[in-house]
Amino acid sequence: MKWVCSVCGWEYDEEQGDPDNGIEPGTKFEDLPEDFVCPLCGVGKDEFTEAE
């Protein structure tokens, strides 16, 4: 599943994770730390929406 930042459009892909920021591939969005922020614009998880 993919999640998109509603502010800047950065996409989090659960299959790929975000290795550059210490998130292992296969990490589900709901399992990201509560303090996770968009690596591009810095908004929190509540600003992400499920990609169509």
Protein backbone atom coordinates (compact mmCIF):
# COMPACT_ATOMS: atom_id res chain seq x y z
CA MET A 1 0.00 0.00 0.00
CA LYS A 2 1.12 3.56 -0.68
CA TRP A 3 0.43 6.73 1.30
CA VAL A 4 0.76 10.27 -0.04
CA CYS A 5 1.58 13.46 1.85
CA SER A 6 -1.34 15.81 1.25
CA VAL A 7 0.94 18.84 1.62
CA CYS A 8 3.86 18.11 -0.74
CA GLY A 9 2.96 14.87 -2.54
CA TRP A 10 5.82 12.73 -1.18
CA GLU A 11 4.84 9.06 -1.33
CA TYR A 12 5.49 6.38 1.28
CA ASP A 13 5.48 2.88 -0.23
CA GLU A 14 5.12 0.15 2.42
CA GLU A 15 6.96 -2.36 0.19
CA GLN A 16 10.01 -0.11 -0.14
CA GLY A 17 9.92 1.57 3.26
CA ASP A 18 12.21 4.58 3.63
CA PRO A 19 15.72 3.17 4.17
CA ASP A 20 17.29 6.63 3.95
CA ASN A 21 15.40 7.53 7.13
CA GLY A 22 15.75 4.19 8.94
CA ILE A 23 12.39 2.67 7.92
CA GLU A 24 12.80 -0.95 6.82
CA PRO A 25 11.12 -2.23 3.63
CA GLY A 26 7.80 -3.89 4.42
CA THR A 27 6.98 -1.49 7.30
CA LYS A 28 3.25 -0.75 7.27
CA PHE A 29 2.23 2.90 7.52
CA GLU A 30 0.30 2.21 10.74
CA ASP A 31 3.50 0.75 12.24
CA LEU A 32 5.56 3.89 11.63
CA PRO A 33 6.52 5.70 14.84
CA GLU A 34 3.97 8.23 16.09
CA ASP A 35 6.58 10.95 15.62
CA PHE A 36 7.14 10.07 11.95
CA VAL A 37 7.17 13.15 9.71
CA CYS A 38 7.31 13.61 5.96
CA PRO A 39 10.99 13.74 5.00
CA LEU A 40 10.33 16.53 2.50
CA CYS A 41 8.04 18.97 4.29
CA GLY A 42 7.96 17.79 7.93
CA VAL A 43 4.22 17.27 8.48
CA GLY A 44 2.97 14.39 10.64
CA LYS A 45 1.27 11.11 9.77
CA ASP A 46 -2.16 12.73 10.05
CA GLU A 47 -1.45 14.66 6.82
CA PHE A 48 -1.05 11.46 4.77
CA THR A 49 -3.81 9.83 2.75
CA GLU A 50 -4.03 6.37 1.22
CA ALA A 51 -3.05 6.42 -2.47
CA GLU A 52 -5.71 5.37 -4.96
